[in-house]
């Protein structure tokens, strides 16, 4: 990696589900519950794959114009009733603390509702690290469209080259490229190398600590991992 092509990184923007929180499994279970209650059948593997990392409510409304909202709200209630099944990925708290100690700002851009994101990050004690959260209600378009990341740059008052973005899905990588932000692929959770590699992330990270190593290498203070 040629760190000379990077300016000084001033902020790190994170995806939430599957990156900070081990919540993708519960999301799938909750949506399946909504399908069964409203449609009388479970969600298919293909349908679930199309929902990962994307605005579920919007897509369900497109698939099922008359019942999509009911499916979503039924699943959302199940999700909220079972939040105890969600956890912060091991190493994420330590990563956030180290990035904060470097003086970098942090934000969350998620395809979940902003209010849900704030609730979850508060429950798990990591809300304090983030300046703001951008959710599906904050923009017309969601990832893989870059609009949410452009909004994050505007709120940070930074250029795209001043930031890096960490996410676990191809949609994250595509959105970051569209916004001119260097994307990092997180595979310590639900992310998979084979799914993201073709979209050319700046690096594939196997552990939250790798984000810290990446930043330190850009600063020229770490010649180890990566």
C-alpha atoms as a PDB file:
ATOM      1  CA  UNK A   1       0.000   0.000   0.000  1.00  0.00           C
ATOM      2  CA  UNK A   2       1.292   3.432  -0.907  1.00  0.00           C
ATOM      3  CA  UNK A   3       0.211   5.633   2.003  1.00  0.00           C
ATOM      4  CA  UNK A   4       1.519   8.649   0.141  1.00  0.00           C
ATOM      5  CA  UNK A   5      -1.620   8.766  -1.999  1.00  0.00           C
ATOM      6  CA  UNK A   6      -3.728   9.433   1.097  1.00  0.00           C
ATOM      7  CA  UNK A   7      -4.068  12.780   2.839  1.00  0.00           C
ATOM      8  CA  UNK A   8      -4.329  12.764   6.619  1.00  0.00           C
ATOM      9  CA  UNK A   9      -7.437  10.760   7.512  1.00  0.00           C
ATOM     10  CA  UNK A  10      -9.758  12.833   9.681  1.00  0.00           C
ATOM     11  CA  UNK A  11     -12.812  10.609  10.041  1.00  0.00           C
ATOM     12  CA  UNK A  12     -13.982   7.011   9.853  1.00  0.00           C
ATOM     13  CA  UNK A  13     -17.527   6.230   8.734  1.00  0.00           C
ATOM     14  CA  UNK A  14     -18.965   2.836   9.674  1.00  0.00           C
ATOM     15  CA  UNK A  15     -21.789   0.649   8.502  1.00  0.00           C
ATOM     16  CA  UNK A  16     -23.634  -0.792  11.503  1.00  0.00           C
ATOM     17  CA  UNK A  17     -25.293  -4.191  10.936  1.00  0.00           C
ATOM     18  CA  UNK A  18     -22.704  -6.871  10.267  1.00  0.00           C
ATOM     19  CA  UNK A  19     -19.867  -4.413  10.889  1.00  0.00           C
ATOM     20  CA  UNK A  20     -20.277  -3.030  14.409  1.00  0.00           C
ATOM     21  CA  UNK A  21     -23.134  -5.249  15.558  1.00  0.00           C
ATOM     22  CA  UNK A  22     -23.713  -8.962  15.056  1.00  0.00           C
ATOM     23  CA  UNK A  23     -27.312  -8.327  14.060  1.00  0.00           C
ATOM     24  CA  UNK A  24     -27.715  -9.733  10.541  1.00  0.00           C
ATOM     25  CA  UNK A  25     -28.881 -13.101  11.856  1.00  0.00           C
ATOM     26  CA  UNK A  26     -31.584 -11.515  13.997  1.00  0.00           C
ATOM     27  CA  UNK A  27     -32.629  -9.295  11.084  1.00  0.00           C
ATOM     28  CA  UNK A  28     -33.142 -12.384   8.928  1.00  0.00           C
ATOM     29  CA  UNK A  29     -35.110 -14.170  11.663  1.00  0.00           C
ATOM     30  CA  UNK A  30     -37.286 -11.093  12.236  1.00  0.00           C
ATOM     31  CA  UNK A  31     -38.054 -10.662   8.545  1.00  0.00           C
ATOM     32  CA  UNK A  32     -38.866 -14.362   8.248  1.00  0.00           C
ATOM     33  CA  UNK A  33     -41.240 -13.944  11.189  1.00  0.00           C
ATOM     34  CA  UNK A  34     -42.954 -11.064   9.372  1.00  0.00           C
ATOM     35  CA  UNK A  35     -43.284 -13.181   6.224  1.00  0.00           C
ATOM     36  CA  UNK A  36     -44.822 -16.084   8.128  1.00  0.00           C
ATOM     37  CA  UNK A  37     -47.277 -13.942  10.068  1.00  0.00           C
ATOM     38  CA  UNK A  38     -48.437 -11.850   7.111  1.00  0.00           C
ATOM     39  CA  UNK A  39     -47.887 -14.027   4.036  1.00  0.00           C
ATOM     40  CA  UNK A  40     -48.187 -17.459   5.595  1.00  0.00           C
ATOM     41  CA  UNK A  41     -44.770 -18.549   4.305  1.00  0.00           C
ATOM     42  CA  UNK A  42     -41.152 -18.073   5.228  1.00  0.00           C
ATOM     43  CA  UNK A  43     -38.686 -15.876   3.388  1.00  0.00           C
ATOM     44  CA  UNK A  44     -36.635 -17.663   0.716  1.00  0.00           C
ATOM     45  CA  UNK A  45     -32.850 -17.694   0.719  1.00  0.00           C
ATOM     46  CA  UNK A  46     -32.802 -15.644  -2.472  1.00  0.00           C
ATOM     47  CA  UNK A  47     -35.136 -13.023  -1.008  1.00  0.00           C
ATOM     48  CA  UNK A  48     -33.083 -12.767   2.162  1.00  0.00           C
ATOM     49  CA  UNK A  49     -29.859 -12.358   0.177  1.00  0.00           C
ATOM     50  CA  UNK A  50     -31.382  -9.390  -1.656  1.00  0.00           C
ATOM     51  CA  UNK A  51     -32.238  -7.685   1.648  1.00  0.00           C
ATOM     52  CA  UNK A  52     -28.845  -7.902   3.354  1.00  0.00           C
ATOM     53  CA  UNK A  53     -27.371  -4.452   3.846  1.00  0.00           C
ATOM     54  CA  UNK A  54     -30.275  -2.733   2.100  1.00  0.00           C
ATOM     55  CA  UNK A  55     -33.354  -0.721   3.208  1.00  0.00           C
ATOM     56  CA  UNK A  56     -35.701  -3.577   4.057  1.00  0.00           C
ATOM     57  CA  UNK A  57     -38.881  -1.520   4.402  1.00  0.00           C
ATOM     58  CA  UNK A  58     -38.474   0.079   0.984  1.00  0.00           C
ATOM     59  CA  UNK A  59     -37.745  -3.203  -0.770  1.00  0.00           C
ATOM     60  CA  UNK A  60     -40.611  -5.059   0.909  1.00  0.00           C
ATOM     61  CA  UNK A  61     -42.972  -2.283  -0.186  1.00  0.00           C
ATOM     62  CA  UNK A  62     -41.759  -2.747  -3.759  1.00  0.00           C
ATOM     63  CA  UNK A  63     -42.150  -6.523  -3.612  1.00  0.00           C
ATOM     64  CA  UNK A  64     -45.510  -6.488  -1.831  1.00  0.00           C
ATOM     65  CA  UNK A  65     -47.243  -3.119  -2.405  1.00  0.00           C
ATOM     66  CA  UNK A  66     -50.266  -4.037  -0.271  1.00  0.00           C
ATOM     67  CA  UNK A  67     -48.549  -5.949   2.532  1.00  0.00           C
ATOM     68  CA  UNK A  68     -44.927  -4.810   2.560  1.00  0.00           C
ATOM     69  CA  UNK A  69     -45.350  -2.303   5.391  1.00  0.00           C
ATOM     70  CA  UNK A  70     -47.193  -4.850   7.521  1.00  0.00           C
ATOM     71  CA  UNK A  71     -44.470  -7.449   6.955  1.00  0.00           C
ATOM     72  CA  UNK A  72     -41.821  -4.911   7.895  1.00  0.00           C
ATOM     73  CA  UNK A  73     -43.544  -3.622  11.039  1.00  0.00           C
ATOM     74  CA  UNK A  74     -44.340  -7.158  12.223  1.00  0.00           C
ATOM     75  CA  UNK A  75     -40.715  -8.165  11.767  1.00  0.00           C
ATOM     76  CA  UNK A  76     -39.458  -4.946  13.330  1.00  0.00           C
ATOM     77  CA  UNK A  77     -41.490  -5.556  16.486  1.00  0.00           C
ATOM     78  CA  UNK A  78     -40.089  -9.080  16.714  1.00  0.00           C
ATOM     79  CA  UNK A  79     -36.580  -7.652  16.257  1.00  0.00           C
ATOM     80  CA  UNK A  80     -37.068  -5.049  18.998  1.00  0.00           C
ATOM     81  CA  UNK A  81     -38.512  -7.683  21.341  1.00  0.00           C
ATOM     82  CA  UNK A  82     -35.390  -9.825  20.868  1.00  0.00           C
ATOM     83  CA  UNK A  83     -32.616  -7.237  20.988  1.00  0.00           C
ATOM     84  CA  UNK A  84     -30.908  -9.317  23.685  1.00  0.00           C
ATOM     85  CA  UNK A  85     -29.880 -11.737  20.911  1.00  0.00           C
ATOM     86  CA  UNK A  86     -27.711  -9.037  19.295  1.00  0.00           C
ATOM     87  CA  UNK A  87     -24.143  -8.290  20.379  1.00  0.00           C
ATOM     88  CA  UNK A  88     -21.236  -6.027  19.603  1.00  0.00           C
ATOM     89  CA  UNK A  89     -18.567  -7.920  17.677  1.00  0.00           C
ATOM     90  CA  UNK A  90     -15.519  -8.798  19.792  1.00  0.00           C
ATOM     91  CA  UNK A  91     -12.849  -6.137  19.428  1.00  0.00           C
ATOM     92  CA  UNK A  92     -15.182  -3.389  18.199  1.00  0.00           C
ATOM     93  CA  UNK A  93     -15.221  -1.439  21.472  1.00  0.00           C
ATOM     94  CA  UNK A  94     -11.437  -1.525  21.679  1.00  0.00           C
ATOM     95  CA  UNK A  95     -11.163  -0.422  18.038  1.00  0.00           C
ATOM     96  CA  UNK A  96     -13.498   2.530  18.597  1.00  0.00           C
ATOM     97  CA  UNK A  97     -11.623   3.587  21.718  1.00  0.00           C
ATOM     98  CA  UNK A  98      -8.282   3.562  19.889  1.00  0.00           C
ATOM     99  CA  UNK A  99      -9.633   5.493  16.904  1.00  0.00           C
ATOM    100  CA  UNK A 100     -11.156   8.040  19.273  1.00  0.00           C
ATOM    101  CA  UNK A 101      -7.821   8.374  21.067  1.00  0.00           C
ATOM    102  CA  UNK A 102      -6.209   9.242  17.719  1.00  0.00           C
ATOM    103  CA  UNK A 103      -8.493  12.264  17.519  1.00  0.00           C
ATOM    104  CA  UNK A 104     -10.467  10.987  14.524  1.00  0.00           C
ATOM    105  CA  UNK A 105     -14.184  11.633  14.255  1.00  0.00           C
ATOM    106  CA  UNK A 106     -16.596   8.786  13.626  1.00  0.00           C
ATOM    107  CA  UNK A 107     -20.099   8.437  12.198  1.00  0.00           C
ATOM    108  CA  UNK A 108     -22.517   5.659  11.225  1.00  0.00           C
ATOM    109  CA  UNK A 109     -24.243   5.271   7.852  1.00  0.00           C
ATOM    110  CA  UNK A 110     -26.761   2.438   7.927  1.00  0.00           C
ATOM    111  CA  UNK A 111     -29.667   1.166   5.874  1.00  0.00           C
ATOM    112  CA  UNK A 112     -31.561   0.647   9.133  1.00  0.00           C
ATOM    113  CA  UNK A 113     -33.712   3.371  10.657  1.00  0.00           C
ATOM    114  CA  UNK A 114     -31.639   6.095  12.320  1.00  0.00           C
ATOM    115  CA  UNK A 115     -33.768   5.890  15.467  1.00  0.00           C
ATOM    116  CA  UNK A 116     -33.210   2.124  15.669  1.00  0.00           C
ATOM    117  CA  UNK A 117     -29.478   2.599  15.162  1.00  0.00           C
ATOM    118  CA  UNK A 118     -29.284   5.171  17.943  1.00  0.00           C
ATOM    119  CA  UNK A 119     -31.243   2.880  20.271  1.00  0.00           C
ATOM    120  CA  UNK A 120     -28.989  -0.103  19.576  1.00  0.00           C
ATOM    121  CA  UNK A 121     -25.740   1.825  19.885  1.00  0.00           C
ATOM    122  CA  UNK A 122     -26.981   3.306  23.169  1.00  0.00           C
ATOM    123  CA  UNK A 123     -27.969  -0.098  24.553  1.00  0.00           C
ATOM    124  CA  UNK A 124     -24.548  -1.530  23.731  1.00  0.00           C
ATOM    125  CA  UNK A 125     -22.661   1.446  25.132  1.00  0.00           C
ATOM    126  CA  UNK A 126     -20.928   2.655  21.965  1.00  0.00           C
ATOM    127  CA  UNK A 127     -23.122   5.624  21.031  1.00  0.00           C
ATOM    128  CA  UNK A 128     -20.620   8.023  22.629  1.00  0.00           C
ATOM    129  CA  UNK A 129     -18.050   7.363  19.908  1.00  0.00           C
ATOM    130  CA  UNK A 130     -20.158   8.666  17.026  1.00  0.00           C
ATOM    131  CA  UNK A 131     -20.946  12.241  16.091  1.00  0.00           C
ATOM    132  CA  UNK A 132     -24.109  11.279  14.240  1.00  0.00           C
ATOM    133  CA  UNK A 133     -26.023   8.474  12.541  1.00  0.00           C
ATOM    134  CA  UNK A 134     -27.541   8.489   9.065  1.00  0.00           C
ATOM    135  CA  UNK A 135     -30.364   6.024   8.463  1.00  0.00           C
ATOM    136  CA  UNK A 136     -32.750   5.123   5.682  1.00  0.00           C
ATOM    137  CA  UNK A 137     -35.154   7.965   6.559  1.00  0.00           C
ATOM    138  CA  UNK A 138     -32.476  10.620   6.019  1.00  0.00           C
ATOM    139  CA  UNK A 139     -31.996  10.276   2.261  1.00  0.00           C
ATOM    140  CA  UNK A 140     -34.094   9.572  -0.811  1.00  0.00           C
ATOM    141  CA  UNK A 141     -31.716   6.823  -1.929  1.00  0.00           C
ATOM    142  CA  UNK A 142     -29.804   4.314   0.178  1.00  0.00           C
ATOM    143  CA  UNK A 143     -26.689   2.210  -0.365  1.00  0.00           C
ATOM    144  CA  UNK A 144     -25.446   1.202  -2.923  1.00  0.00           C
ATOM    145  CA  UNK A 145     -26.309   4.762  -3.971  1.00  0.00           C
ATOM    146  CA  UNK A 146     -23.680   7.142  -2.524  1.00  0.00           C
ATOM    147  CA  UNK A 147     -26.242   9.709  -1.308  1.00  0.00           C
ATOM    148  CA  UNK A 148     -26.017   8.699   2.396  1.00  0.00           C
ATOM    149  CA  UNK A 149     -22.233   9.015   2.307  1.00  0.00           C
ATOM    150  CA  UNK A 150     -22.408  12.396   0.590  1.00  0.00           C
ATOM    151  CA  UNK A 151     -24.687  13.510   3.434  1.00  0.00           C
ATOM    152  CA  UNK A 152     -22.161  12.202   5.962  1.00  0.00           C
ATOM    153  CA  UNK A 153     -19.382  14.211   4.299  1.00  0.00           C
ATOM    154  CA  UNK A 154     -21.580  17.302   4.418  1.00  0.00           C
ATOM    155  CA  UNK A 155     -22.281  16.844   8.136  1.00  0.00           C
ATOM    156  CA  UNK A 156     -18.588  16.216   8.832  1.00  0.00           C
ATOM    157  CA  UNK A 157     -17.561  19.237   6.716  1.00  0.00           C
ATOM    158  CA  UNK A 158     -14.907  17.042   5.128  1.00  0.00           C
ATOM    159  CA  UNK A 159     -13.824  15.967   1.656  1.00  0.00           C
ATOM    160  CA  UNK A 160     -14.155  12.385   0.514  1.00  0.00           C
ATOM    161  CA  UNK A 161     -10.373  11.951   0.603  1.00  0.00           C
ATOM    162  CA  UNK A 162     -10.385  12.874   4.297  1.00  0.00           C
ATOM    163  CA  UNK A 163     -12.395   9.777   5.244  1.00  0.00           C
ATOM    164  CA  UNK A 164     -12.454   6.017   5.066  1.00  0.00           C
ATOM    165  CA  UNK A 165     -15.581   3.861   5.148  1.00  0.00           C
ATOM    166  CA  UNK A 166     -15.850   0.434   6.777  1.00  0.00           C
ATOM    167  CA  UNK A 167     -18.612  -1.976   5.745  1.00  0.00           C
ATOM    168  CA  UNK A 168     -19.316  -5.672   5.335  1.00  0.00           C
ATOM    169  CA  UNK A 169     -21.327  -5.878   2.100  1.00  0.00           C
ATOM    170  CA  UNK A 170     -20.710  -5.207  -1.611  1.00  0.00           C
ATOM    171  CA  UNK A 171     -23.283  -2.391  -1.377  1.00  0.00           C
ATOM    172  CA  UNK A 172     -21.005  -0.655   1.128  1.00  0.00           C
ATOM    173  CA  UNK A 173     -18.024  -0.849  -1.194  1.00  0.00           C
ATOM    174  CA  UNK A 174     -20.029   0.364  -4.203  1.00  0.00           C
ATOM    175  CA  UNK A 175     -21.493   3.296  -2.261  1.00  0.00           C
ATOM    176  CA  UNK A 176     -18.088   4.353  -0.945  1.00  0.00           C
ATOM    177  CA  UNK A 177     -16.533   4.275  -4.406  1.00  0.00           C
ATOM    178  CA  UNK A 178     -19.459   6.340  -5.678  1.00  0.00           C
ATOM    179  CA  UNK A 179     -18.797   8.962  -3.026  1.00  0.00           C
ATOM    180  CA  UNK A 180     -15.045   8.960  -3.662  1.00  0.00           C
ATOM    181  CA  UNK A 181     -14.310   7.508  -0.216  1.00  0.00           C
ATOM    182  CA  UNK A 182     -11.776   4.708   0.277  1.00  0.00           C
ATOM    183  CA  UNK A 183     -13.755   1.583   1.296  1.00  0.00           C
ATOM    184  CA  UNK A 184     -12.518  -1.088   3.677  1.00  0.00           C
ATOM    185  CA  UNK A 185     -14.203  -4.497   3.604  1.00  0.00           C
ATOM    186  CA  UNK A 186     -14.945  -5.955   7.038  1.00  0.00           C
ATOM    187  CA  UNK A 187     -15.062  -9.763   7.142  1.00  0.00           C
ATOM    188  CA  UNK A 188     -14.956 -10.348  10.902  1.00  0.00           C
ATOM    189  CA  UNK A 189     -18.746 -10.827  10.849  1.00  0.00           C
ATOM    190  CA  UNK A 190     -21.178 -11.510   8.029  1.00  0.00           C
ATOM    191  CA  UNK A 191     -18.938 -10.049   5.316  1.00  0.00           C
ATOM    192  CA  UNK A 192     -17.277 -12.441   2.861  1.00  0.00           C
ATOM    193  CA  UNK A 193     -14.074 -11.880   0.907  1.00  0.00           C
ATOM    194  CA  UNK A 194     -15.404 -13.539  -2.241  1.00  0.00           C
ATOM    195  CA  UNK A 195     -18.431 -11.228  -2.312  1.00  0.00           C
ATOM    196  CA  UNK A 196     -16.483  -7.991  -1.871  1.00  0.00           C
ATOM    197  CA  UNK A 197     -13.199  -8.589  -3.661  1.00  0.00           C
ATOM    198  CA  UNK A 198     -14.637  -7.973  -7.130  1.00  0.00           C
ATOM    199  CA  UNK A 199     -15.636  -4.437  -6.084  1.00  0.00           C
ATOM    200  CA  UNK A 200     -12.051  -3.524  -5.176  1.00  0.00           C
ATOM    201  CA  UNK A 201     -12.042  -2.396  -1.553  1.00  0.00           C
ATOM    202  CA  UNK A 202      -8.869  -0.649  -0.440  1.00  0.00           C
ATOM    203  CA  UNK A 203      -8.275  -3.535   1.965  1.00  0.00           C
ATOM    204  CA  UNK A 204     -10.053  -6.583   3.376  1.00  0.00           C
ATOM    205  CA  UNK A 205      -9.985  -6.539   7.174  1.00  0.00           C
ATOM    206  CA  UNK A 206     -10.349  -9.746   9.180  1.00  0.00           C
ATOM    207  CA  UNK A 207     -10.465  -8.174  12.639  1.00  0.00           C
ATOM    208  CA  UNK A 208     -11.639  -4.808  14.035  1.00  0.00           C
ATOM    209  CA  UNK A 209      -8.070  -4.142  15.145  1.00  0.00           C
ATOM    210  CA  UNK A 210      -7.097  -4.149  11.458  1.00  0.00           C
ATOM    211  CA  UNK A 211      -8.918  -0.821  11.061  1.00  0.00           C
ATOM    212  CA  UNK A 212      -6.542   0.641  13.625  1.00  0.00           C
ATOM    213  CA  UNK A 213      -3.530  -0.903  11.859  1.00  0.00           C
ATOM    214  CA  UNK A 214      -4.740   0.534   8.547  1.00  0.00           C
ATOM    215  CA  UNK A 215      -5.012   4.053   9.959  1.00  0.00           C
ATOM    216  CA  UNK A 216      -1.620   3.793  11.657  1.00  0.00           C
ATOM    217  CA  UNK A 217      -0.017   2.672   8.420  1.00  0.00           C
ATOM    218  CA  UNK A 218      -1.464   5.706   6.673  1.00  0.00           C
ATOM    219  CA  UNK A 219       0.071   7.842   9.376  1.00  0.00           C
ATOM    220  CA  UNK A 220       3.374   6.007   8.978  1.00  0.00           C
ATOM    221  CA  UNK A 221       3.358   4.900  12.616  1.00  0.00           C
ATOM    222  CA  UNK A 222       2.827   1.160  12.094  1.00  0.00           C
ATOM    223  CA  UNK A 223       4.674  -1.104   9.667  1.00  0.00           C
ATOM    224  CA  UNK A 224       3.128  -4.347  10.926  1.00  0.00           C
ATOM    225  CA  UNK A 225      -0.080  -6.010   9.781  1.00  0.00           C
ATOM    226  CA  UNK A 226      -1.749  -5.365   6.436  1.00  0.00           C
END
